[in-house]
Amino acid sequence: MSSQSIIKESWHGKVFPIALLISAAFLIIYVVFGYFGFVTALEPGAVIGEAHRWCESVSDSMFREPVNTLSNLGFMATGLYMFWVLSKDTESKNQFHGFTPIAMLYAGCAIYLGPGSMLMHGTHTYWGGWADNLSMVMYIILPWLINVSEMGRWSLKKFFVVYLSIVSIDGVGRWFLGSDMGIGFELFGVSIGLWIVSEFLYRFYSQTVRWLSGFIGFVVAAIFGIFPTEIIAEFDKYWWVLLFWVPAILSPNPPRYRRANYYWFYAGMACYLLAFTVWLRGVPDSPYCYPDSLIQAHGIWHLLCAAATLCFFKFLRTEKVLN
């Protein structure tokens, strides 16, 4: 895919201010609409002043969960930082240097993780929850699609057609069919496995590794508490493990690039796994739940995940052409 900037030189210095302006506009619009009560509701079972799904006490303000809402500013800050870094690049070393289509998409998705999650925690509406999941899907499918698009030698056009198709199908499906699409399928969770499978294949590519790589997905599932014995016993529930071989099917060629500094990848994974550990404790029945505290486990989850997106951005910027 192209590693050339799509921004004309005269616009190069305006991209970061525009991203900043759009982010600020979202916050202003939310506050205005929230002030007049146009965007807030209550999730089923939620009671003002009591702990709800993610521990924090439900507020009667424009932010139903104030800490869990405002902690999403971390995503917006890291995404804006990415745009700022890209604006300082003077040459296109790879597709994550300068204002290339992929780099801008990644930074934009990192920013949108903030508003998406804010709409869920802040409004307690169905459409807010939908926007939250949409933001997560828009981000999480990017890394594995970037990997398989290189090993599949996709054009930039094909990448965006596939990306937008997946986002659209998942978005429409969740809106009308619910969180599991009616078939017990969560694209966000499966995509974590697809990312690690594709990253393993990208790093250690061979035809043998290509067809064995799907088994890496079972390791990922086990890390998140789904073990092979459970998968075999309830295959009708975990049928989606077959998708762990999608990267192999879509990757007939070895990558032409190598990411040089995997410590950024490991740092990002460490942030995410720590975030997941904290996330598990951010529920009302946890002994670590303090509903009225300014320190909320789910808020920490947001901040650590934002740090992870930045680590992965740094990692992808280390890519070099193989000799």
C-alpha atoms as a PDB file:
ATOM      1  CA  MET A   1       0.000   0.000   0.000  1.00  0.00           C
ATOM      2  CA  SER A   2       1.036   3.587  -0.476  1.00  0.00           C
ATOM      3  CA  SER A   3       3.273   5.238   2.101  1.00  0.00           C
ATOM      4  CA  GLN A   4       2.941   8.645   0.481  1.00  0.00           C
ATOM      5  CA  SER A   5       1.176  11.528   2.161  1.00  0.00           C
ATOM      6  CA  ILE A   6      -2.251  12.350   0.737  1.00  0.00           C
ATOM      7  CA  ILE A   7      -2.176  15.874   2.160  1.00  0.00           C
ATOM      8  CA  LYS A   8      -1.036  18.734  -0.049  1.00  0.00           C
ATOM      9  CA  GLU A   9       1.901  20.692   1.287  1.00  0.00           C
ATOM     10  CA  SER A  10      -0.260  23.764   1.812  1.00  0.00           C
ATOM     11  CA  TRP A  11      -2.539  21.743   4.122  1.00  0.00           C
ATOM     12  CA  HIS A  12       0.199  19.910   5.998  1.00  0.00           C
ATOM     13  CA  GLY A  13       0.218  22.330   8.918  1.00  0.00           C
ATOM     14  CA  LYS A  14      -3.575  22.413   9.176  1.00  0.00           C
ATOM     15  CA  VAL A  15      -4.359  18.732   9.809  1.00  0.00           C
ATOM     16  CA  PHE A  16      -3.521  18.731  13.518  1.00  0.00           C
ATOM     17  CA  PRO A  17      -5.479  21.964  14.211  1.00  0.00           C
ATOM     18  CA  ILE A  18      -8.470  20.512  12.321  1.00  0.00           C
ATOM     19  CA  ALA A  19      -8.337  17.306  14.382  1.00  0.00           C
ATOM     20  CA  LEU A  20      -8.114  19.414  17.538  1.00  0.00           C
ATOM     21  CA  LEU A  21     -11.043  21.576  16.407  1.00  0.00           C
ATOM     22  CA  ILE A  22     -13.246  18.562  15.632  1.00  0.00           C
ATOM     23  CA  SER A  23     -12.441  17.047  19.037  1.00  0.00           C
ATOM     24  CA  ALA A  24     -13.254  20.302  20.810  1.00  0.00           C
ATOM     25  CA  ALA A  25     -16.464  20.670  18.781  1.00  0.00           C
ATOM     26  CA  PHE A  26     -17.645  17.237  19.918  1.00  0.00           C
ATOM     27  CA  LEU A  27     -17.094  18.160  23.570  1.00  0.00           C
ATOM     28  CA  ILE A  28     -18.886  21.486  23.190  1.00  0.00           C
ATOM     29  CA  ILE A  29     -21.855  19.910  21.396  1.00  0.00           C
ATOM     30  CA  TYR A  30     -22.091  17.203  24.055  1.00  0.00           C
ATOM     31  CA  VAL A  31     -22.075  19.757  26.877  1.00  0.00           C
ATOM     32  CA  VAL A  32     -24.704  21.922  25.183  1.00  0.00           C
ATOM     33  CA  PHE A  33     -27.001  18.988  24.415  1.00  0.00           C
ATOM     34  CA  GLY A  34     -26.356  17.520  27.861  1.00  0.00           C
ATOM     35  CA  TYR A  35     -27.198  20.811  29.575  1.00  0.00           C
ATOM     36  CA  PHE A  36     -30.628  20.855  27.945  1.00  0.00           C
ATOM     37  CA  GLY A  37     -31.148  17.143  28.658  1.00  0.00           C
ATOM     38  CA  PHE A  38     -31.265  16.076  25.005  1.00  0.00           C
ATOM     39  CA  VAL A  39     -28.793  13.177  25.200  1.00  0.00           C
ATOM     40  CA  THR A  40     -29.139  11.514  28.594  1.00  0.00           C
ATOM     41  CA  ALA A  41     -31.306   8.590  29.627  1.00  0.00           C
ATOM     42  CA  LEU A  42     -30.993   5.695  32.075  1.00  0.00           C
ATOM     43  CA  GLU A  43     -29.978   2.136  31.255  1.00  0.00           C
ATOM     44  CA  PRO A  44     -32.442  -0.563  32.352  1.00  0.00           C
ATOM     45  CA  GLY A  45     -31.885  -1.257  36.029  1.00  0.00           C
ATOM     46  CA  ALA A  46     -29.894   1.911  36.670  1.00  0.00           C
ATOM     47  CA  VAL A  47     -30.877   4.077  39.646  1.00  0.00           C
ATOM     48  CA  ILE A  48     -29.603   7.608  40.290  1.00  0.00           C
ATOM     49  CA  GLY A  49     -27.162   7.576  43.178  1.00  0.00           C
ATOM     50  CA  GLU A  50     -26.485   3.834  43.066  1.00  0.00           C
ATOM     51  CA  ALA A  51     -23.670   1.761  41.560  1.00  0.00           C
ATOM     52  CA  HIS A  52     -24.405   0.310  38.152  1.00  0.00           C
ATOM     53  CA  ARG A  53     -22.641  -1.843  35.531  1.00  0.00           C
ATOM     54  CA  TRP A  54     -19.164  -0.348  35.854  1.00  0.00           C
ATOM     55  CA  CYS A  55     -19.278   0.374  39.601  1.00  0.00           C
ATOM     56  CA  GLU A  56     -19.530   4.162  39.519  1.00  0.00           C
ATOM     57  CA  SER A  57     -22.641   5.707  41.051  1.00  0.00           C
ATOM     58  CA  VAL A  58     -25.123   6.922  38.445  1.00  0.00           C
ATOM     59  CA  SER A  59     -25.330  10.720  38.402  1.00  0.00           C
ATOM     60  CA  ASP A  60     -28.252  12.976  37.525  1.00  0.00           C
ATOM     61  CA  SER A  61     -25.836  15.284  35.659  1.00  0.00           C
ATOM     62  CA  MET A  62     -25.115  15.404  31.932  1.00  0.00           C
ATOM     63  CA  PHE A  63     -22.551  12.660  32.573  1.00  0.00           C
ATOM     64  CA  ARG A  64     -24.346   9.620  33.961  1.00  0.00           C
ATOM     65  CA  GLU A  65     -20.957   8.185  35.018  1.00  0.00           C
ATOM     66  CA  PRO A  66     -18.705  11.258  35.419  1.00  0.00           C
ATOM     67  CA  VAL A  67     -15.318   9.592  35.965  1.00  0.00           C
ATOM     68  CA  ASN A  68     -15.952   6.775  33.491  1.00  0.00           C
ATOM     69  CA  THR A  69     -17.017   9.394  30.952  1.00  0.00           C
ATOM     70  CA  LEU A  70     -14.265  11.987  31.353  1.00  0.00           C
ATOM     71  CA  SER A  71     -11.458   9.407  31.554  1.00  0.00           C
ATOM     72  CA  ASN A  72     -12.070   8.896  27.827  1.00  0.00           C
ATOM     73  CA  LEU A  73     -10.336  12.206  27.226  1.00  0.00           C
ATOM     74  CA  GLY A  74      -7.201  10.053  27.402  1.00  0.00           C
ATOM     75  CA  PHE A  75      -8.056   8.493  24.034  1.00  0.00           C
ATOM     76  CA  MET A  76      -8.631  11.882  22.473  1.00  0.00           C
ATOM     77  CA  ALA A  77      -5.343  13.222  23.856  1.00  0.00           C
ATOM     78  CA  THR A  78      -3.289  10.272  22.551  1.00  0.00           C
ATOM     79  CA  GLY A  79      -4.963  10.423  19.140  1.00  0.00           C
ATOM     80  CA  LEU A  80      -4.286  14.143  18.879  1.00  0.00           C
ATOM     81  CA  TYR A  81      -0.687  13.499  19.910  1.00  0.00           C
ATOM     82  CA  MET A  82      -0.411  11.030  17.024  1.00  0.00           C
ATOM     83  CA  PHE A  83      -1.612  13.675  14.569  1.00  0.00           C
ATOM     84  CA  TRP A  84       0.930  16.101  16.047  1.00  0.00           C
ATOM     85  CA  VAL A  85       3.744  13.555  15.614  1.00  0.00           C
ATOM     86  CA  LEU A  86       2.701  12.896  12.011  1.00  0.00           C
ATOM     87  CA  SER A  87       2.696  16.631  11.330  1.00  0.00           C
ATOM     88  CA  LYS A  88       6.372  16.793  12.336  1.00  0.00           C
ATOM     89  CA  ASP A  89       7.515  14.023   9.981  1.00  0.00           C
ATOM     90  CA  THR A  90       9.671  15.329   7.163  1.00  0.00           C
ATOM     91  CA  GLU A  91       9.879  12.115   5.132  1.00  0.00           C
ATOM     92  CA  SER A  92       7.737   9.028   4.513  1.00  0.00           C
ATOM     93  CA  LYS A  93       9.830   6.209   5.962  1.00  0.00           C
ATOM     94  CA  ASN A  94       6.777   3.928   5.985  1.00  0.00           C
ATOM     95  CA  GLN A  95       2.984   4.142   6.026  1.00  0.00           C
ATOM     96  CA  PHE A  96       3.028   5.427   9.617  1.00  0.00           C
ATOM     97  CA  HIS A  97       5.210   8.450   8.861  1.00  0.00           C
ATOM     98  CA  GLY A  98       3.546  11.578   7.584  1.00  0.00           C
ATOM     99  CA  PHE A  99      -0.102  12.022   6.652  1.00  0.00           C
ATOM    100  CA  THR A 100      -0.560   8.728   4.823  1.00  0.00           C
ATOM    101  CA  PRO A 101      -4.075   7.272   4.556  1.00  0.00           C
ATOM    102  CA  ILE A 102      -3.356   4.455   7.023  1.00  0.00           C
ATOM    103  CA  ALA A 103      -1.637   6.666   9.600  1.00  0.00           C
ATOM    104  CA  MET A 104      -4.469   9.184   9.525  1.00  0.00           C
ATOM    105  CA  LEU A 105      -7.064   6.422   9.837  1.00  0.00           C
ATOM    106  CA  TYR A 106      -5.251   4.958  12.853  1.00  0.00           C
ATOM    107  CA  ALA A 107      -4.938   8.319  14.619  1.00  0.00           C
ATOM    108  CA  GLY A 108      -8.549   9.180  13.804  1.00  0.00           C
ATOM    109  CA  CYS A 109      -9.789   5.878  15.210  1.00  0.00           C
ATOM    110  CA  ALA A 110      -7.702   6.406  18.347  1.00  0.00           C
ATOM    111  CA  ILE A 111      -9.431   9.759  18.868  1.00  0.00           C
ATOM    112  CA  TYR A 112     -12.896   8.323  18.212  1.00  0.00           C
ATOM    113  CA  LEU A 113     -12.426   5.701  20.936  1.00  0.00           C
ATOM    114  CA  GLY A 114     -12.920   8.648  23.315  1.00  0.00           C
ATOM    115  CA  PRO A 115     -16.229  10.070  22.012  1.00  0.00           C
ATOM    116  CA  GLY A 116     -17.596   6.576  21.385  1.00  0.00           C
ATOM    117  CA  SER A 117     -17.060   5.492  24.982  1.00  0.00           C
ATOM    118  CA  MET A 118     -18.131   8.880  26.336  1.00  0.00           C
ATOM    119  CA  LEU A 119     -21.484   8.510  24.603  1.00  0.00           C
ATOM    120  CA  MET A 120     -22.086   5.186  26.327  1.00  0.00           C
ATOM    121  CA  HIS A 121     -20.975   6.114  29.849  1.00  0.00           C
ATOM    122  CA  GLY A 122     -22.280   9.660  29.598  1.00  0.00           C
ATOM    123  CA  THR A 123     -25.729   9.128  28.103  1.00  0.00           C
ATOM    124  CA  HIS A 124     -26.826   5.594  29.080  1.00  0.00           C
ATOM    125  CA  THR A 125     -28.647   5.358  25.751  1.00  0.00           C
ATOM    126  CA  TYR A 126     -28.865   2.425  23.332  1.00  0.00           C
ATOM    127  CA  TRP A 127     -27.309   4.491  20.584  1.00  0.00           C
ATOM    128  CA  GLY A 128     -24.516   5.535  22.948  1.00  0.00           C
ATOM    129  CA  GLY A 129     -23.649   1.901  23.598  1.00  0.00           C
ATOM    130  CA  TRP A 130     -23.762   1.250  19.858  1.00  0.00           C
ATOM    131  CA  ALA A 131     -21.385   4.163  19.215  1.00  0.00           C
ATOM    132  CA  ASP A 132     -19.015   2.804  21.861  1.00  0.00           C
ATOM    133  CA  ASN A 133     -18.818  -0.628  20.234  1.00  0.00           C
ATOM    134  CA  LEU A 134     -18.468   0.952  16.796  1.00  0.00           C
ATOM    135  CA  SER A 135     -15.427   2.911  17.972  1.00  0.00           C
ATOM    136  CA  MET A 136     -13.813  -0.230  19.409  1.00  0.00           C
ATOM    137  CA  VAL A 137     -14.408  -2.219  16.220  1.00  0.00           C
ATOM    138  CA  MET A 138     -13.111   0.602  14.036  1.00  0.00           C
ATOM    139  CA  TYR A 139      -9.864   0.523  15.992  1.00  0.00           C
ATOM    140  CA  ILE A 140      -9.310  -3.181  16.689  1.00  0.00           C
ATOM    141  CA  ILE A 141      -9.748  -4.461  13.125  1.00  0.00           C
ATOM    142  CA  LEU A 142      -7.094  -2.037  11.860  1.00  0.00           C
ATOM    143  CA  PRO A 143      -3.922  -3.858  13.036  1.00  0.00           C
ATOM    144  CA  TRP A 144      -4.820  -7.264  11.643  1.00  0.00           C
ATOM    145  CA  LEU A 145      -6.140  -5.803   8.395  1.00  0.00           C
ATOM    146  CA  ILE A 146      -2.891  -3.848   7.986  1.00  0.00           C
ATOM    147  CA  ASN A 147      -0.952  -7.088   8.446  1.00  0.00           C
ATOM    148  CA  VAL A 148      -2.973  -9.263   6.065  1.00  0.00           C
ATOM    149  CA  SER A 149      -3.203  -6.479   3.483  1.00  0.00           C
ATOM    150  CA  GLU A 150       0.597  -6.486   3.241  1.00  0.00           C
ATOM    151  CA  MET A 151       0.863 -10.275   3.089  1.00  0.00           C
ATOM    152  CA  GLY A 152      -2.004 -10.330   0.590  1.00  0.00           C
ATOM    153  CA  ARG A 153      -0.500  -7.446  -1.456  1.00  0.00           C
ATOM    154  CA  TRP A 154      -3.728  -5.468  -1.345  1.00  0.00           C
ATOM    155  CA  SER A 155      -4.082  -2.105  -2.983  1.00  0.00           C
ATOM    156  CA  LEU A 156      -4.990   0.865  -0.805  1.00  0.00           C
ATOM    157  CA  LYS A 157      -8.435   0.902  -2.404  1.00  0.00           C
ATOM    158  CA  LYS A 158      -9.035  -2.753  -1.549  1.00  0.00           C
ATOM    159  CA  PHE A 159      -7.929  -2.147   2.047  1.00  0.00           C
ATOM    160  CA  PHE A 160     -10.447   0.637   2.543  1.00  0.00           C
ATOM    161  CA  VAL A 161     -13.249  -1.272   0.790  1.00  0.00           C
ATOM    162  CA  VAL A 162     -12.699  -4.270   3.098  1.00  0.00           C
ATOM    163  CA  TYR A 163     -12.288  -2.077   6.187  1.00  0.00           C
ATOM    164  CA  LEU A 164     -15.434  -0.023   5.571  1.00  0.00           C
ATOM    165  CA  SER A 165     -17.409  -3.139   4.635  1.00  0.00           C
ATOM    166  CA  ILE A 166     -16.523  -4.879   7.919  1.00  0.00           C
ATOM    167  CA  VAL A 167     -17.312  -1.771   9.971  1.00  0.00           C
ATOM    168  CA  SER A 168     -20.628  -1.251   8.162  1.00  0.00           C
ATOM    169  CA  ILE A 169     -21.771  -4.875   8.412  1.00  0.00           C
ATOM    170  CA  ASP A 170     -20.896  -5.075  12.094  1.00  0.00           C
ATOM    171  CA  GLY A 171     -22.470  -1.688  12.844  1.00  0.00           C
ATOM    172  CA  VAL A 172     -25.747  -2.469  11.078  1.00  0.00           C
ATOM    173  CA  GLY A 173     -25.808  -5.995  12.494  1.00  0.00           C
ATOM    174  CA  ARG A 174     -25.367  -4.841  16.097  1.00  0.00           C
ATOM    175  CA  TRP A 175     -27.959  -2.105  15.721  1.00  0.00           C
ATOM    176  CA  PHE A 176     -30.675  -4.475  14.508  1.00  0.00           C
ATOM    177  CA  LEU A 177     -29.589  -7.860  15.906  1.00  0.00           C
ATOM    178  CA  GLY A 178     -27.962  -6.973  19.221  1.00  0.00           C
ATOM    179  CA  SER A 179     -24.501  -7.305  20.720  1.00  0.00           C
ATOM    180  CA  ASP A 180     -23.827 -10.849  19.504  1.00  0.00           C
ATOM    181  CA  MET A 181     -25.322 -10.335  16.027  1.00  0.00           C
ATOM    182  CA  GLY A 182     -27.790 -13.103  16.833  1.00  0.00           C
ATOM    183  CA  ILE A 183     -25.110 -15.739  16.223  1.00  0.00           C
ATOM    184  CA  GLY A 184     -22.973 -15.527  19.358  1.00  0.00           C
ATOM    185  CA  PHE A 185     -20.298 -13.441  17.628  1.00  0.00           C
ATOM    186  CA  GLU A 186     -18.380 -10.470  19.052  1.00  0.00           C
ATOM    187  CA  LEU A 187     -16.089  -8.953  16.407  1.00  0.00           C
ATOM    188  CA  PHE A 188     -14.104  -6.950  18.954  1.00  0.00           C
ATOM    189  CA  GLY A 189     -13.078  -9.969  21.005  1.00  0.00           C
ATOM    190  CA  VAL A 190     -12.345 -12.160  17.983  1.00  0.00           C
ATOM    191  CA  SER A 191     -10.260  -9.390  16.433  1.00  0.00           C
ATOM    192  CA  ILE A 192      -7.882  -9.393  19.404  1.00  0.00           C
ATOM    193  CA  GLY A 193      -7.067 -12.991  18.509  1.00  0.00           C
ATOM    194  CA  LEU A 194      -6.838 -12.183  14.790  1.00  0.00           C
ATOM    195  CA  TRP A 195      -4.402  -9.379  15.562  1.00  0.00           C
ATOM    196  CA  ILE A 196      -2.022 -11.620  17.532  1.00  0.00           C
ATOM    197  CA  VAL A 197      -2.304 -14.414  14.962  1.00  0.00           C
ATOM    198  CA  SER A 198      -1.532 -12.014  12.103  1.00  0.00           C
ATOM    199  CA  GLU A 199       1.315 -10.388  14.039  1.00  0.00           C
ATOM    200  CA  PHE A 200       2.890 -13.788  14.710  1.00  0.00           C
ATOM    201  CA  LEU A 201       2.557 -14.655  11.035  1.00  0.00           C
ATOM    202  CA  TYR A 202       3.970 -11.277  10.000  1.00  0.00           C
ATOM    203  CA  ARG A 203       7.027 -11.797  12.202  1.00  0.00           C
ATOM    204  CA  PHE A 204       7.753 -15.478  11.552  1.00  0.00           C
ATOM    205  CA  TYR A 205       6.305 -16.003   8.092  1.00  0.00           C
ATOM    206  CA  SER A 206       6.749 -19.303   6.278  1.00  0.00           C
ATOM    207  CA  GLN A 207       4.245 -21.551   4.564  1.00  0.00           C
ATOM    208  CA  THR A 208       4.350 -23.923   7.547  1.00  0.00           C
ATOM    209  CA  VAL A 209       3.841 -21.101  10.056  1.00  0.00           C
ATOM    210  CA  ARG A 210       1.093 -19.735   7.847  1.00  0.00           C
ATOM    211  CA  TRP A 211      -1.170 -22.740   8.383  1.00  0.00           C
ATOM    212  CA  LEU A 212      -0.165 -23.324  12.000  1.00  0.00           C
ATOM    213  CA  SER A 213      -0.673 -19.677  12.995  1.00  0.00           C
ATOM    214  CA  GLY A 214      -4.366 -20.145  13.730  1.00  0.00           C
ATOM    215  CA  PHE A 215      -3.477 -22.164  16.823  1.00  0.00           C
ATOM    216  CA  ILE A 216      -1.986 -18.973  18.327  1.00  0.00           C
ATOM    217  CA  GLY A 217      -5.562 -17.790  18.631  1.00  0.00           C
ATOM    218  CA  PHE A 218      -6.243 -20.558  21.148  1.00  0.00           C
ATOM    219  CA  VAL A 219      -3.391 -19.235  23.299  1.00  0.00           C
ATOM    220  CA  VAL A 220      -4.953 -15.773  23.180  1.00  0.00           C
ATOM    221  CA  ALA A 221      -8.368 -17.196  24.103  1.00  0.00           C
ATOM    222  CA  ALA A 222      -6.808 -19.032  27.058  1.00  0.00           C
ATOM    223  CA  ILE A 223      -5.228 -15.802  28.324  1.00  0.00           C
ATOM    224  CA  PHE A 224      -8.727 -14.338  28.488  1.00  0.00           C
ATOM    225  CA  GLY A 225     -10.115 -17.379  30.282  1.00  0.00           C
ATOM    226  CA  ILE A 226     -11.461 -19.517  27.416  1.00  0.00           C
ATOM    227  CA  PHE A 227      -9.544 -22.804  27.394  1.00  0.00           C
ATOM    228  CA  PRO A 228      -9.360 -25.444  24.622  1.00  0.00           C
ATOM    229  CA  THR A 229     -11.298 -27.997  26.668  1.00  0.00           C
ATOM    230  CA  GLU A 230     -14.177 -25.536  27.003  1.00  0.00           C
ATOM    231  CA  ILE A 231     -14.029 -24.685  23.306  1.00  0.00           C
ATOM    232  CA  ILE A 232     -14.210 -28.364  22.315  1.00  0.00           C
ATOM    233  CA  ALA A 233     -16.999 -29.130  24.781  1.00  0.00           C
ATOM    234  CA  GLU A 234     -19.098 -26.165  23.607  1.00  0.00           C
ATOM    235  CA  PHE A 235     -18.044 -25.780  20.003  1.00  0.00           C
ATOM    236  CA  ASP A 236     -21.500 -24.523  19.017  1.00  0.00           C
ATOM    237  CA  LYS A 237     -20.807 -21.556  21.302  1.00  0.00           C
ATOM    238  CA  TYR A 238     -17.191 -21.019  20.303  1.00  0.00           C
ATOM    239  CA  TRP A 239     -17.477 -21.776  16.568  1.00  0.00           C
ATOM    240  CA  TRP A 240     -15.774 -18.470  15.827  1.00  0.00           C
ATOM    241  CA  VAL A 241     -12.341 -19.973  16.657  1.00  0.00           C
ATOM    242  CA  LEU A 242     -12.341 -21.166  13.032  1.00  0.00           C
ATOM    243  CA  LEU A 243     -11.832 -17.513  12.086  1.00  0.00           C
ATOM    244  CA  PHE A 244      -8.337 -17.689  13.605  1.00  0.00           C
ATOM    245  CA  TRP A 245      -7.262 -19.110  10.222  1.00  0.00           C
ATOM    246  CA  VAL A 246      -8.535 -16.081   8.289  1.00  0.00           C
ATOM    247  CA  PRO A 247      -5.059 -14.396   8.357  1.00  0.00           C
ATOM    248  CA  ALA A 248      -3.511 -17.562   6.886  1.00  0.00           C
ATOM    249  CA  ILE A 249      -6.082 -17.707   4.097  1.00  0.00           C
ATOM    250  CA  LEU A 250      -5.575 -14.040   3.230  1.00  0.00           C
ATOM    251  CA  SER A 251      -1.750 -14.082   3.428  1.00  0.00           C
ATOM    252  CA  PRO A 252      -0.154 -16.001   0.544  1.00  0.00           C
ATOM    253  CA  ASN A 253       3.012 -13.868   0.511  1.00  0.00           C
ATOM    254  CA  PRO A 254       5.680 -13.041   3.106  1.00  0.00           C
ATOM    255  CA  PRO A 255       5.762  -9.422   4.306  1.00  0.00           C
ATOM    256  CA  ARG A 256       8.216  -7.083   2.605  1.00  0.00           C
ATOM    257  CA  TYR A 257       8.799  -5.171   5.842  1.00  0.00           C
ATOM    258  CA  ARG A 258      10.002  -5.833   9.377  1.00  0.00           C
ATOM    259  CA  ARG A 259       9.008  -3.937  12.513  1.00  0.00           C
ATOM    260  CA  ALA A 260      12.244  -3.182  14.276  1.00  0.00           C
ATOM    261  CA  ASN A 261      11.382  -2.433  17.904  1.00  0.00           C
ATOM    262  CA  TYR A 262       9.051  -5.014  19.387  1.00  0.00           C
ATOM    263  CA  TYR A 263       9.430  -3.537  22.846  1.00  0.00           C
ATOM    264  CA  TRP A 264       6.705  -1.043  21.863  1.00  0.00           C
ATOM    265  CA  PHE A 265       4.457  -3.966  20.949  1.00  0.00           C
ATOM    266  CA  TYR A 266       5.162  -5.713  24.248  1.00  0.00           C
ATOM    267  CA  ALA A 267       4.619  -2.453  26.140  1.00  0.00           C
ATOM    268  CA  GLY A 268       1.247  -2.030  24.425  1.00  0.00           C
ATOM    269  CA  MET A 269       0.254  -5.588  25.248  1.00  0.00           C
ATOM    270  CA  ALA A 270       1.359  -5.118  28.865  1.00  0.00           C
ATOM    271  CA  CYS A 271      -0.797  -1.973  29.103  1.00  0.00           C
ATOM    272  CA  TYR A 272      -3.794  -3.776  27.653  1.00  0.00           C
ATOM    273  CA  LEU A 273      -3.470  -6.892  29.817  1.00  0.00           C
ATOM    274  CA  LEU A 274      -3.074  -4.719  32.907  1.00  0.00           C
ATOM    275  CA  ALA A 275      -6.094  -2.713  31.772  1.00  0.00           C
ATOM    276  CA  PHE A 276      -8.107  -5.922  31.339  1.00  0.00           C
ATOM    277  CA  THR A 277      -7.126  -7.056  34.850  1.00  0.00           C
ATOM    278  CA  VAL A 278      -8.348  -3.726  36.231  1.00  0.00           C
ATOM    279  CA  TRP A 279     -11.495  -3.878  34.071  1.00  0.00           C
ATOM    280  CA  LEU A 280     -12.493  -7.174  35.686  1.00  0.00           C
ATOM    281  CA  ARG A 281     -12.535  -5.435  39.069  1.00  0.00           C
ATOM    282  CA  GLY A 282     -14.595  -2.440  37.991  1.00  0.00           C
ATOM    283  CA  VAL A 283     -18.002  -3.994  38.682  1.00  0.00           C
ATOM    284  CA  PRO A 284     -20.459  -3.459  41.556  1.00  0.00           C
ATOM    285  CA  ASP A 285     -19.899  -6.837  43.252  1.00  0.00           C
ATOM    286  CA  SER A 286     -16.119  -6.428  43.343  1.00  0.00           C
ATOM    287  CA  PRO A 287     -14.413  -5.700  46.693  1.00  0.00           C
ATOM    288  CA  TYR A 288     -12.490  -2.996  44.813  1.00  0.00           C
ATOM    289  CA  CYS A 289     -15.662  -1.142  43.842  1.00  0.00           C
ATOM    290  CA  TYR A 290     -16.022   2.298  45.456  1.00  0.00           C
ATOM    291  CA  PRO A 291     -18.996   3.867  43.636  1.00  0.00           C
ATOM    292  CA  ASP A 292     -18.431   7.441  44.825  1.00  0.00           C
ATOM    293  CA  SER A 293     -14.644   7.542  44.456  1.00  0.00           C
ATOM    294  CA  LEU A 294     -12.887   9.790  41.946  1.00  0.00           C
ATOM    295  CA  ILE A 295     -10.665   6.806  41.153  1.00  0.00           C
ATOM    296  CA  GLN A 296     -12.691   4.260  39.201  1.00  0.00           C
ATOM    297  CA  ALA A 297     -11.330   0.959  37.889  1.00  0.00           C
ATOM    298  CA  HIS A 298     -13.124   1.463  34.585  1.00  0.00           C
ATOM    299  CA  GLY A 299     -11.614   4.911  34.254  1.00  0.00           C
ATOM    300  CA  ILE A 300      -8.164   3.389  34.756  1.00  0.00           C
ATOM    301  CA  TRP A 301      -9.067   0.839  32.060  1.00  0.00           C
ATOM    302  CA  HIS A 302      -9.700   3.723  29.656  1.00  0.00           C
ATOM    303  CA  LEU A 303      -6.398   5.441  30.432  1.00  0.00           C
ATOM    304  CA  LEU A 304      -4.340   2.254  30.140  1.00  0.00           C
ATOM    305  CA  CYS A 305      -6.024   1.348  26.849  1.00  0.00           C
ATOM    306  CA  ALA A 306      -5.228   4.840  25.552  1.00  0.00           C
ATOM    307  CA  ALA A 307      -1.588   4.260  26.500  1.00  0.00           C
ATOM    308  CA  ALA A 308      -1.709   0.940  24.635  1.00  0.00           C
ATOM    309  CA  THR A 309      -2.923   2.597  21.408  1.00  0.00           C
ATOM    310  CA  LEU A 310       0.031   4.979  21.623  1.00  0.00           C
ATOM    311  CA  CYS A 311       2.516   2.130  22.161  1.00  0.00           C
ATOM    312  CA  PHE A 312       1.162   0.301  19.113  1.00  0.00           C
ATOM    313  CA  PHE A 313       1.402   3.509  17.076  1.00  0.00           C
ATOM    314  CA  LYS A 314       5.062   3.807  18.071  1.00  0.00           C
ATOM    315  CA  PHE A 315       5.570   0.140  17.192  1.00  0.00           C
ATOM    316  CA  LEU A 316       4.081   0.457  13.708  1.00  0.00           C
ATOM    317  CA  ARG A 317       6.289   3.463  13.022  1.00  0.00           C
ATOM    318  CA  THR A 318       9.406   1.250  13.366  1.00  0.00           C
ATOM    319  CA  GLU A 319       8.646  -0.687  10.178  1.00  0.00           C
ATOM    320  CA  LYS A 320      11.528  -1.002   7.718  1.00  0.00           C
ATOM    321  CA  VAL A 321      11.878  -2.491   4.260  1.00  0.00           C
ATOM    322  CA  LEU A 322      13.536  -5.910   4.209  1.00  0.00           C
ATOM    323  CA  ASN A 323      16.601  -6.217   2.002  1.00  0.00           C
END
